[in-house]
Amino acid sequence: MSNLDTRNFAIIVNQQARNAEKIDSYLSRLSEAGFQYQFFSVAPESLEDTIRLCQKKFDLILIGGGDGTLRSAAQLLVNSTTTMGVLALGTLNHFARELKLATTIDELIDVLHSPVVKKIDIAKVNDHVFINNSSIGFYPRFAKKRDSYAKRINKWLGYIPSFIHALRTHKTYSIRLSGEEMDLRLRSSFIMISNNCYSWEFPAKFARESFNEHKLGLYYLKHGRIEITKIFDVLLGNNNHFEATCSSYPLEINIEKYKEISVSLDGDAHKMSLPLKYQLLPDSLNLLVSS
């Protein structure tokens, strides 16, 4: 249990979230259950201003959207006294599923009746936080193409051509990856750094057991470009192409002949200046969780 007052809170929903239409039924059920709330349905560009406004009035803000929306909220709520709750209205909802947060309205009502607040780690690269992972190389190329397709066709339908495009066109970089415990030089097209460490189980379970280990996860292709054969090797358990480890210390990425690069943050691509300085922010986000 916690001292969090859930009798009055804010709900902020990204209008463009894949399952944003579910919010009407959520609001009806919350009202029937006797909760008082102030509701905001906002465009992505208005999300941050709305959160800042609500922070002045509410101790609890429920954020509705996918992992990209949650990342934007965490950017403002990190190291604050405000508690973030999650309405899992995105496409895949990795964050909510890994943390076993409420994913139905019945579960959410139970949580609000008996609130538990947990402090979790958040990761940061330069001035940007992320809740899941950040990568350079292959994935930002895929994400930019996927978002381009999403303007014309269903997001899911755009995944396959975007993946093929990224396979054909992604670049290989001369990279220096350094930290307290390492100093690596790579010629690679894929590096991913995560908020805490992922474990992998055949055939496709890739998840974190904890958000409080105070560590960065590090995963990289040892050499060259990502290829279909390398992906199948990993899926079949022949992991000779990729390296995975964890770091208790900050990490820095420099790329030869580049001053800026496209970086993915929880699935969305952003242009960022080099070097990329990654660090872990321990116990920095107050999160409403299931008991």
C-alpha atoms as a PDB file:
ATOM      1  CA  MET A   1       0.000   0.000   0.000  1.00  0.00           C
ATOM      2  CA  SER A   2       0.994   3.657  -0.334  1.00  0.00           C
ATOM      3  CA  ASN A   3      -0.174   7.081   0.783  1.00  0.00           C
ATOM      4  CA  LEU A   4      -1.045   8.023  -2.801  1.00  0.00           C
ATOM      5  CA  ASP A   5      -4.488   9.636  -3.033  1.00  0.00           C
ATOM      6  CA  THR A   6      -6.288   8.057  -6.006  1.00  0.00           C
ATOM      7  CA  ARG A   7      -9.607   9.794  -5.413  1.00  0.00           C
ATOM      8  CA  ASN A   8      -8.673  12.576  -7.837  1.00  0.00           C
ATOM      9  CA  PHE A   9      -6.149  12.313 -10.650  1.00  0.00           C
ATOM     10  CA  ALA A  10      -5.419  13.333 -14.242  1.00  0.00           C
ATOM     11  CA  ILE A  11      -5.758  11.160 -17.338  1.00  0.00           C
ATOM     12  CA  ILE A  12      -3.812  12.215 -20.416  1.00  0.00           C
ATOM     13  CA  VAL A  13      -4.261  10.205 -23.627  1.00  0.00           C
ATOM     14  CA  ASN A  14      -2.333  10.513 -26.870  1.00  0.00           C
ATOM     15  CA  GLN A  15      -5.005  10.916 -29.558  1.00  0.00           C
ATOM     16  CA  GLN A  16      -2.823   9.033 -32.036  1.00  0.00           C
ATOM     17  CA  ALA A  17      -2.267   5.959 -29.857  1.00  0.00           C
ATOM     18  CA  ARG A  18      -3.239   2.790 -31.709  1.00  0.00           C
ATOM     19  CA  ASN A  19      -5.987   1.886 -29.220  1.00  0.00           C
ATOM     20  CA  ALA A  20      -7.014   5.388 -28.155  1.00  0.00           C
ATOM     21  CA  GLU A  21     -10.661   4.591 -28.981  1.00  0.00           C
ATOM     22  CA  LYS A  22     -10.811   2.341 -25.889  1.00  0.00           C
ATOM     23  CA  ILE A  23     -10.602   5.346 -23.583  1.00  0.00           C
ATOM     24  CA  ASP A  24     -14.358   6.077 -23.656  1.00  0.00           C
ATOM     25  CA  SER A  25     -15.183   2.726 -22.071  1.00  0.00           C
ATOM     26  CA  TYR A  26     -12.345   3.206 -19.569  1.00  0.00           C
ATOM     27  CA  LEU A  27     -13.698   6.596 -18.516  1.00  0.00           C
ATOM     28  CA  SER A  28     -17.222   5.249 -18.090  1.00  0.00           C
ATOM     29  CA  ARG A  29     -16.036   2.423 -15.861  1.00  0.00           C
ATOM     30  CA  LEU A  30     -13.876   4.747 -13.762  1.00  0.00           C
ATOM     31  CA  SER A  31     -16.824   7.099 -13.232  1.00  0.00           C
ATOM     32  CA  GLU A  32     -19.072   4.185 -12.276  1.00  0.00           C
ATOM     33  CA  ALA A  33     -16.443   3.094  -9.756  1.00  0.00           C
ATOM     34  CA  GLY A  34     -16.612   6.528  -8.110  1.00  0.00           C
ATOM     35  CA  PHE A  35     -13.243   7.958  -9.161  1.00  0.00           C
ATOM     36  CA  GLN A  36     -12.854  11.688  -9.806  1.00  0.00           C
ATOM     37  CA  TYR A  37     -10.523  12.614 -12.639  1.00  0.00           C
ATOM     38  CA  GLN A  38      -9.723  15.325 -15.155  1.00  0.00           C
ATOM     39  CA  PHE A  39      -9.400  14.006 -18.701  1.00  0.00           C
ATOM     40  CA  PHE A  40      -7.212  15.369 -21.505  1.00  0.00           C
ATOM     41  CA  SER A  41      -7.130  13.968 -25.041  1.00  0.00           C
ATOM     42  CA  VAL A  42      -4.133  15.574 -26.723  1.00  0.00           C
ATOM     43  CA  ALA A  43      -2.137  15.572 -29.924  1.00  0.00           C
ATOM     44  CA  PRO A  44       1.463  14.353 -29.475  1.00  0.00           C
ATOM     45  CA  GLU A  45       2.830  17.887 -29.772  1.00  0.00           C
ATOM     46  CA  SER A  46       0.655  19.022 -26.820  1.00  0.00           C
ATOM     47  CA  LEU A  47       1.554  16.124 -24.520  1.00  0.00           C
ATOM     48  CA  GLU A  48       4.434  17.762 -22.655  1.00  0.00           C
ATOM     49  CA  ASP A  49       2.617  21.052 -21.974  1.00  0.00           C
ATOM     50  CA  THR A  50      -0.397  19.137 -20.674  1.00  0.00           C
ATOM     51  CA  ILE A  51       1.767  17.048 -18.347  1.00  0.00           C
ATOM     52  CA  ARG A  52       3.443  20.190 -16.979  1.00  0.00           C
ATOM     53  CA  LEU A  53       0.015  21.687 -16.291  1.00  0.00           C
ATOM     54  CA  CYS A  54      -1.208  18.551 -14.519  1.00  0.00           C
ATOM     55  CA  GLN A  55       1.937  18.217 -12.417  1.00  0.00           C
ATOM     56  CA  LYS A  56       0.943  21.418 -10.613  1.00  0.00           C
ATOM     57  CA  LYS A  57      -2.457  20.003  -9.644  1.00  0.00           C
ATOM     58  CA  PHE A  58      -2.228  16.220  -9.313  1.00  0.00           C
ATOM     59  CA  ASP A  59      -0.058  13.693  -7.498  1.00  0.00           C
ATOM     60  CA  LEU A  60      -1.061  10.948  -9.963  1.00  0.00           C
ATOM     61  CA  ILE A  61      -1.181  11.187 -13.758  1.00  0.00           C
ATOM     62  CA  LEU A  62      -2.379   8.261 -15.864  1.00  0.00           C
ATOM     63  CA  ILE A  63      -0.744   8.310 -19.300  1.00  0.00           C
ATOM     64  CA  GLY A  64      -2.548   6.612 -22.185  1.00  0.00           C
ATOM     65  CA  GLY A  65      -0.554   5.511 -25.213  1.00  0.00           C
ATOM     66  CA  GLY A  66       2.293   3.300 -26.307  1.00  0.00           C
ATOM     67  CA  ASP A  67       5.892   3.160 -25.146  1.00  0.00           C
ATOM     68  CA  GLY A  68       6.829   6.300 -27.091  1.00  0.00           C
ATOM     69  CA  THR A  69       4.120   8.262 -25.264  1.00  0.00           C
ATOM     70  CA  LEU A  70       5.248   6.850 -21.922  1.00  0.00           C
ATOM     71  CA  ARG A  71       8.832   7.828 -22.694  1.00  0.00           C
ATOM     72  CA  SER A  72       7.748  11.417 -23.370  1.00  0.00           C
ATOM     73  CA  ALA A  73       5.908  11.461 -20.048  1.00  0.00           C
ATOM     74  CA  ALA A  74       8.864   9.971 -18.173  1.00  0.00           C
ATOM     75  CA  GLN A  75      11.045  12.743 -19.602  1.00  0.00           C
ATOM     76  CA  LEU A  76       9.088  15.209 -17.461  1.00  0.00           C
ATOM     77  CA  LEU A  77       8.167  13.027 -14.481  1.00  0.00           C
ATOM     78  CA  VAL A  78      11.625  11.578 -13.790  1.00  0.00           C
ATOM     79  CA  ASN A  79      13.081  12.698 -10.429  1.00  0.00           C
ATOM     80  CA  SER A  80       9.801  14.322  -9.432  1.00  0.00           C
ATOM     81  CA  THR A  81       7.240  13.598  -6.715  1.00  0.00           C
ATOM     82  CA  THR A  82       4.512  12.878  -9.294  1.00  0.00           C
ATOM     83  CA  THR A  83       3.451   9.262  -9.805  1.00  0.00           C
ATOM     84  CA  MET A  84       2.883   7.952 -13.332  1.00  0.00           C
ATOM     85  CA  GLY A  85       0.203   5.390 -14.071  1.00  0.00           C
ATOM     86  CA  VAL A  86      -0.088   3.560 -17.380  1.00  0.00           C
ATOM     87  CA  LEU A  87      -3.052   3.062 -19.693  1.00  0.00           C
ATOM     88  CA  ALA A  88      -1.636   0.535 -22.166  1.00  0.00           C
ATOM     89  CA  LEU A  89      -3.170   1.872 -25.396  1.00  0.00           C
ATOM     90  CA  GLY A  90      -0.224   1.353 -27.749  1.00  0.00           C
ATOM     91  CA  THR A  91       0.620  -1.296 -30.330  1.00  0.00           C
ATOM     92  CA  LEU A  92       2.878  -3.654 -28.377  1.00  0.00           C
ATOM     93  CA  ASN A  93       3.008  -2.135 -24.867  1.00  0.00           C
ATOM     94  CA  HIS A  94       6.352  -3.725 -23.964  1.00  0.00           C
ATOM     95  CA  PHE A  95       6.813  -1.584 -20.845  1.00  0.00           C
ATOM     96  CA  ALA A  96       3.424  -2.447 -19.334  1.00  0.00           C
ATOM     97  CA  ARG A  97       3.747  -6.153 -20.107  1.00  0.00           C
ATOM     98  CA  GLU A  98       7.274  -6.538 -18.731  1.00  0.00           C
ATOM     99  CA  LEU A  99       6.314  -4.781 -15.512  1.00  0.00           C
ATOM    100  CA  LYS A 100       3.035  -6.738 -15.343  1.00  0.00           C
ATOM    101  CA  LEU A 101       1.049  -3.515 -15.064  1.00  0.00           C
ATOM    102  CA  ALA A 102      -2.722  -3.384 -15.395  1.00  0.00           C
ATOM    103  CA  THR A 103      -3.711  -3.894 -19.034  1.00  0.00           C
ATOM    104  CA  THR A 104      -7.510  -4.025 -18.619  1.00  0.00           C
ATOM    105  CA  ILE A 105      -9.906  -1.579 -16.980  1.00  0.00           C
ATOM    106  CA  ASP A 106     -10.872  -4.145 -14.325  1.00  0.00           C
ATOM    107  CA  GLU A 107      -7.225  -4.567 -13.357  1.00  0.00           C
ATOM    108  CA  LEU A 108      -6.724  -0.793 -13.325  1.00  0.00           C
ATOM    109  CA  ILE A 109      -9.699  -0.235 -11.002  1.00  0.00           C
ATOM    110  CA  ASP A 110      -8.317  -2.844  -8.599  1.00  0.00           C
ATOM    111  CA  VAL A 111      -4.943  -1.077  -8.620  1.00  0.00           C
ATOM    112  CA  LEU A 112      -6.533   2.320  -7.966  1.00  0.00           C
ATOM    113  CA  HIS A 113      -8.480   0.917  -5.015  1.00  0.00           C
ATOM    114  CA  SER A 114      -5.256  -0.459  -3.467  1.00  0.00           C
ATOM    115  CA  PRO A 115      -2.466   1.681  -4.929  1.00  0.00           C
ATOM    116  CA  VAL A 116       1.164   0.627  -4.749  1.00  0.00           C
ATOM    117  CA  VAL A 117       3.900   3.028  -5.864  1.00  0.00           C
ATOM    118  CA  LYS A 118       7.257   1.614  -6.910  1.00  0.00           C
ATOM    119  CA  LYS A 119      10.389   3.547  -7.747  1.00  0.00           C
ATOM    120  CA  ILE A 120      12.002   2.197 -10.934  1.00  0.00           C
ATOM    121  CA  ASP A 121      15.164   2.962 -12.882  1.00  0.00           C
ATOM    122  CA  ILE A 122      15.134   5.097 -16.002  1.00  0.00           C
ATOM    123  CA  ALA A 123      17.969   5.352 -18.529  1.00  0.00           C
ATOM    124  CA  LYS A 124      19.221   8.472 -20.266  1.00  0.00           C
ATOM    125  CA  VAL A 125      21.240   9.339 -23.360  1.00  0.00           C
ATOM    126  CA  ASN A 126      22.477  12.920 -23.490  1.00  0.00           C
ATOM    127  CA  ASP A 127      19.378  14.937 -22.509  1.00  0.00           C
ATOM    128  CA  HIS A 128      16.778  12.274 -23.418  1.00  0.00           C
ATOM    129  CA  VAL A 129      15.420   9.567 -21.124  1.00  0.00           C
ATOM    130  CA  PHE A 130      14.125   6.183 -22.246  1.00  0.00           C
ATOM    131  CA  ILE A 131      12.161   3.480 -20.465  1.00  0.00           C
ATOM    132  CA  ASN A 132      13.056   0.427 -22.595  1.00  0.00           C
ATOM    133  CA  ASN A 133      15.988   0.759 -24.958  1.00  0.00           C
ATOM    134  CA  SER A 134      17.917   2.967 -27.337  1.00  0.00           C
ATOM    135  CA  SER A 135      19.840   1.900 -30.437  1.00  0.00           C
ATOM    136  CA  ILE A 136      21.855   3.103 -33.399  1.00  0.00           C
ATOM    137  CA  GLY A 137      22.286   1.643 -36.870  1.00  0.00           C
ATOM    138  CA  PHE A 138      19.691  -0.765 -38.158  1.00  0.00           C
ATOM    139  CA  TYR A 139      16.708   0.006 -35.938  1.00  0.00           C
ATOM    140  CA  PRO A 140      16.487   3.805 -36.404  1.00  0.00           C
ATOM    141  CA  ARG A 141      16.573   3.201 -40.177  1.00  0.00           C
ATOM    142  CA  PHE A 142      13.680   0.741 -39.797  1.00  0.00           C
ATOM    143  CA  ALA A 143      11.711   3.066 -37.476  1.00  0.00           C
ATOM    144  CA  LYS A 144      11.926   6.055 -39.830  1.00  0.00           C
ATOM    145  CA  LYS A 145      10.659   3.998 -42.769  1.00  0.00           C
ATOM    146  CA  ARG A 146       7.918   2.397 -40.628  1.00  0.00           C
ATOM    147  CA  ASP A 147       6.661   5.825 -39.565  1.00  0.00           C
ATOM    148  CA  SER A 148       6.684   6.970 -43.187  1.00  0.00           C
ATOM    149  CA  TYR A 149       4.508   4.015 -44.209  1.00  0.00           C
ATOM    150  CA  ALA A 150       2.194   4.588 -41.227  1.00  0.00           C
ATOM    151  CA  LYS A 151       1.062   7.881 -42.756  1.00  0.00           C
ATOM    152  CA  ARG A 152      -0.432   5.943 -45.701  1.00  0.00           C
ATOM    153  CA  ILE A 153      -1.196   2.396 -44.536  1.00  0.00           C
ATOM    154  CA  ASN A 154      -1.867   0.400 -41.383  1.00  0.00           C
ATOM    155  CA  LYS A 155       1.169   0.443 -39.084  1.00  0.00           C
ATOM    156  CA  TRP A 156       1.384  -3.358 -38.984  1.00  0.00           C
ATOM    157  CA  LEU A 157       1.304  -3.594 -42.787  1.00  0.00           C
ATOM    158  CA  GLY A 158       4.261  -1.248 -42.956  1.00  0.00           C
ATOM    159  CA  TYR A 159       6.513  -3.448 -40.806  1.00  0.00           C
ATOM    160  CA  ILE A 160       7.547  -5.905 -43.516  1.00  0.00           C
ATOM    161  CA  PRO A 161       8.521  -3.411 -46.262  1.00  0.00           C
ATOM    162  CA  SER A 162      10.218  -1.248 -43.613  1.00  0.00           C
ATOM    163  CA  PHE A 163      12.245  -4.214 -42.388  1.00  0.00           C
ATOM    164  CA  ILE A 164      13.285  -5.109 -45.937  1.00  0.00           C
ATOM    165  CA  HIS A 165      14.225  -1.482 -46.656  1.00  0.00           C
ATOM    166  CA  ALA A 166      16.337  -1.301 -43.499  1.00  0.00           C
ATOM    167  CA  LEU A 167      18.110  -4.567 -44.331  1.00  0.00           C
ATOM    168  CA  ARG A 168      19.009  -3.246 -47.776  1.00  0.00           C
ATOM    169  CA  THR A 169      20.072   0.275 -46.824  1.00  0.00           C
ATOM    170  CA  HIS A 170      21.390   0.402 -43.235  1.00  0.00           C
ATOM    171  CA  LYS A 171      24.977   1.555 -42.772  1.00  0.00           C
ATOM    172  CA  THR A 172      27.999   0.155 -40.969  1.00  0.00           C
ATOM    173  CA  TYR A 173      29.863   2.558 -38.675  1.00  0.00           C
ATOM    174  CA  SER A 174      33.328   2.749 -37.138  1.00  0.00           C
ATOM    175  CA  ILE A 175      32.393   2.928 -33.470  1.00  0.00           C
ATOM    176  CA  ARG A 176      34.239   3.442 -30.221  1.00  0.00           C
ATOM    177  CA  LEU A 177      32.259   2.198 -27.215  1.00  0.00           C
ATOM    178  CA  SER A 178      33.844   3.118 -23.907  1.00  0.00           C
ATOM    179  CA  GLY A 179      33.146   3.027 -20.195  1.00  0.00           C
ATOM    180  CA  GLU A 180      34.700   2.276 -16.814  1.00  0.00           C
ATOM    181  CA  GLU A 181      34.915  -1.439 -17.641  1.00  0.00           C
ATOM    182  CA  MET A 182      35.398  -1.441 -21.420  1.00  0.00           C
ATOM    183  CA  ASP A 183      36.946   0.242 -24.411  1.00  0.00           C
ATOM    184  CA  LEU A 184      35.772  -1.394 -27.645  1.00  0.00           C
ATOM    185  CA  ARG A 185      36.319  -0.487 -31.274  1.00  0.00           C
ATOM    186  CA  LEU A 186      33.762  -1.959 -33.660  1.00  0.00           C
ATOM    187  CA  ARG A 187      32.846  -1.908 -37.310  1.00  0.00           C
ATOM    188  CA  SER A 188      29.156  -2.566 -36.798  1.00  0.00           C
ATOM    189  CA  SER A 189      25.621  -1.645 -37.838  1.00  0.00           C
ATOM    190  CA  PHE A 190      23.818  -2.368 -34.576  1.00  0.00           C
ATOM    191  CA  ILE A 191      24.251  -1.310 -30.956  1.00  0.00           C
ATOM    192  CA  MET A 192      21.433  -1.307 -28.409  1.00  0.00           C
ATOM    193  CA  ILE A 193      21.552  -0.076 -24.830  1.00  0.00           C
ATOM    194  CA  SER A 194      18.704  -0.877 -22.451  1.00  0.00           C
ATOM    195  CA  ASN A 195      17.260   0.340 -19.184  1.00  0.00           C
ATOM    196  CA  ASN A 196      18.309  -2.671 -17.065  1.00  0.00           C
ATOM    197  CA  CYS A 197      19.203  -5.988 -18.653  1.00  0.00           C
ATOM    198  CA  TYR A 198      17.206  -8.220 -20.977  1.00  0.00           C
ATOM    199  CA  SER A 199      17.242 -11.989 -20.832  1.00  0.00           C
ATOM    200  CA  TRP A 200      16.481 -14.070 -23.909  1.00  0.00           C
ATOM    201  CA  GLU A 201      14.803 -17.456 -24.202  1.00  0.00           C
ATOM    202  CA  PHE A 202      14.211 -19.478 -27.370  1.00  0.00           C
ATOM    203  CA  PRO A 203      12.350 -18.819 -29.572  1.00  0.00           C
ATOM    204  CA  ALA A 204      11.422 -15.192 -29.006  1.00  0.00           C
ATOM    205  CA  LYS A 205      11.130 -14.188 -25.346  1.00  0.00           C
ATOM    206  CA  PHE A 206      13.132 -11.015 -24.799  1.00  0.00           C
ATOM    207  CA  ALA A 207      12.287  -9.320 -21.511  1.00  0.00           C
ATOM    208  CA  ARG A 208      13.642  -7.812 -18.303  1.00  0.00           C
ATOM    209  CA  GLU A 209      13.135  -9.473 -14.951  1.00  0.00           C
ATOM    210  CA  SER A 210      13.865  -6.295 -12.997  1.00  0.00           C
ATOM    211  CA  PHE A 211      13.735  -2.525 -13.406  1.00  0.00           C
ATOM    212  CA  ASN A 212      15.818  -1.962 -10.257  1.00  0.00           C
ATOM    213  CA  GLU A 213      19.194  -3.565 -10.989  1.00  0.00           C
ATOM    214  CA  HIS A 214      20.725  -0.113 -11.607  1.00  0.00           C
ATOM    215  CA  LYS A 215      22.469  -1.405 -14.746  1.00  0.00           C
ATOM    216  CA  LEU A 216      22.573  -0.624 -18.445  1.00  0.00           C
ATOM    217  CA  GLY A 217      22.173  -3.557 -20.815  1.00  0.00           C
ATOM    218  CA  LEU A 218      24.499  -3.588 -23.834  1.00  0.00           C
ATOM    219  CA  TYR A 219      23.918  -5.599 -27.037  1.00  0.00           C
ATOM    220  CA  TYR A 220      25.839  -5.270 -30.276  1.00  0.00           C
ATOM    221  CA  LEU A 221      26.596  -6.939 -33.573  1.00  0.00           C
ATOM    222  CA  LYS A 222      30.262  -7.882 -33.422  1.00  0.00           C
ATOM    223  CA  HIS A 223      31.031  -7.007 -37.028  1.00  0.00           C
ATOM    224  CA  GLY A 224      29.397  -5.876 -40.260  1.00  0.00           C
ATOM    225  CA  ARG A 225      25.759  -5.571 -41.274  1.00  0.00           C
ATOM    226  CA  ILE A 226      22.661  -7.298 -39.992  1.00  0.00           C
ATOM    227  CA  GLU A 227      21.646 -10.109 -42.343  1.00  0.00           C
ATOM    228  CA  ILE A 228      18.763 -12.574 -42.404  1.00  0.00           C
ATOM    229  CA  THR A 229      21.145 -15.494 -41.854  1.00  0.00           C
ATOM    230  CA  LYS A 230      22.547 -13.860 -38.715  1.00  0.00           C
ATOM    231  CA  ILE A 231      19.042 -13.291 -37.345  1.00  0.00           C
ATOM    232  CA  PHE A 232      18.086 -16.931 -37.938  1.00  0.00           C
ATOM    233  CA  ASP A 233      21.297 -18.067 -36.253  1.00  0.00           C
ATOM    234  CA  VAL A 234      20.310 -16.124 -33.119  1.00  0.00           C
ATOM    235  CA  LEU A 235      16.754 -17.507 -33.171  1.00  0.00           C
ATOM    236  CA  LEU A 236      18.172 -21.021 -33.417  1.00  0.00           C
ATOM    237  CA  GLY A 237      20.457 -20.430 -30.458  1.00  0.00           C
ATOM    238  CA  ASN A 238      23.696 -20.035 -32.436  1.00  0.00           C
ATOM    239  CA  ASN A 239      24.673 -16.662 -31.014  1.00  0.00           C
ATOM    240  CA  ASN A 240      28.073 -16.154 -32.635  1.00  0.00           C
ATOM    241  CA  HIS A 241      27.299 -12.792 -34.182  1.00  0.00           C
ATOM    242  CA  PHE A 242      26.002 -10.758 -31.245  1.00  0.00           C
ATOM    243  CA  GLU A 243      27.396  -9.880 -27.836  1.00  0.00           C
ATOM    244  CA  ALA A 244      25.298  -9.143 -24.732  1.00  0.00           C
ATOM    245  CA  THR A 245      26.467  -7.812 -21.378  1.00  0.00           C
ATOM    246  CA  CYS A 246      25.529  -5.422 -18.567  1.00  0.00           C
ATOM    247  CA  SER A 247      27.286  -2.372 -17.179  1.00  0.00           C
ATOM    248  CA  SER A 248      27.030  -0.712 -13.788  1.00  0.00           C
ATOM    249  CA  TYR A 249      28.741   2.361 -15.207  1.00  0.00           C
ATOM    250  CA  PRO A 250      27.910   5.024 -17.817  1.00  0.00           C
ATOM    251  CA  LEU A 251      28.764   4.282 -21.452  1.00  0.00           C
ATOM    252  CA  GLU A 252      29.851   6.566 -24.259  1.00  0.00           C
ATOM    253  CA  ILE A 253      29.565   6.049 -28.025  1.00  0.00           C
ATOM    254  CA  ASN A 254      31.650   7.930 -30.578  1.00  0.00           C
ATOM    255  CA  ILE A 255      31.414   7.344 -34.330  1.00  0.00           C
ATOM    256  CA  GLU A 256      34.249   8.145 -36.694  1.00  0.00           C
ATOM    257  CA  LYS A 257      33.542  10.981 -39.180  1.00  0.00           C
ATOM    258  CA  TYR A 258      30.074  11.730 -37.739  1.00  0.00           C
ATOM    259  CA  LYS A 259      28.926  14.664 -35.623  1.00  0.00           C
ATOM    260  CA  GLU A 260      25.316  13.484 -35.285  1.00  0.00           C
ATOM    261  CA  ILE A 261      23.368  10.308 -35.907  1.00  0.00           C
ATOM    262  CA  SER A 262      19.835   8.931 -35.857  1.00  0.00           C
ATOM    263  CA  VAL A 263      19.087   7.237 -32.517  1.00  0.00           C
ATOM    264  CA  SER A 264      16.007   5.242 -31.566  1.00  0.00           C
ATOM    265  CA  LEU A 265      14.419   5.893 -28.176  1.00  0.00           C
ATOM    266  CA  ASP A 266      11.758   3.340 -27.268  1.00  0.00           C
ATOM    267  CA  GLY A 267      11.001   2.747 -30.933  1.00  0.00           C
ATOM    268  CA  ASP A 268      11.035   6.335 -32.204  1.00  0.00           C
ATOM    269  CA  ALA A 269      13.933   7.798 -34.208  1.00  0.00           C
ATOM    270  CA  HIS A 270      15.590  11.066 -33.141  1.00  0.00           C
ATOM    271  CA  LYS A 271      18.597  12.917 -34.543  1.00  0.00           C
ATOM    272  CA  MET A 272      21.223  13.419 -31.808  1.00  0.00           C
ATOM    273  CA  SER A 273      24.672  14.958 -31.508  1.00  0.00           C
ATOM    274  CA  LEU A 274      27.714  12.821 -30.760  1.00  0.00           C
ATOM    275  CA  PRO A 275      29.102  11.610 -28.487  1.00  0.00           C
ATOM    276  CA  LEU A 276      26.171   9.642 -27.092  1.00  0.00           C
ATOM    277  CA  LYS A 277      26.496   9.544 -23.307  1.00  0.00           C
ATOM    278  CA  TYR A 278      24.375   6.838 -21.680  1.00  0.00           C
ATOM    279  CA  GLN A 279      23.686   6.634 -17.968  1.00  0.00           C
ATOM    280  CA  LEU A 280      21.277   4.962 -15.572  1.00  0.00           C
ATOM    281  CA  LEU A 281      19.077   7.070 -13.272  1.00  0.00           C
ATOM    282  CA  PRO A 282      18.409   4.728 -10.307  1.00  0.00           C
ATOM    283  CA  ASP A 283      14.962   4.687  -8.653  1.00  0.00           C
ATOM    284  CA  SER A 284      14.058   7.888 -10.469  1.00  0.00           C
ATOM    285  CA  LEU A 285      10.442   7.346 -11.582  1.00  0.00           C
ATOM    286  CA  ASN A 286       7.427   6.824  -9.296  1.00  0.00           C
ATOM    287  CA  LEU A 287       5.225   4.235 -11.000  1.00  0.00           C
ATOM    288  CA  LEU A 288       1.759   2.981 -10.074  1.00  0.00           C
ATOM    289  CA  VAL A 289       1.992  -0.821 -10.102  1.00  0.00           C
ATOM    290  CA  SER A 290      -0.072  -3.886  -9.258  1.00  0.00           C
ATOM    291  CA  SER A 291       0.244  -5.120  -5.687  1.00  0.00           C
END
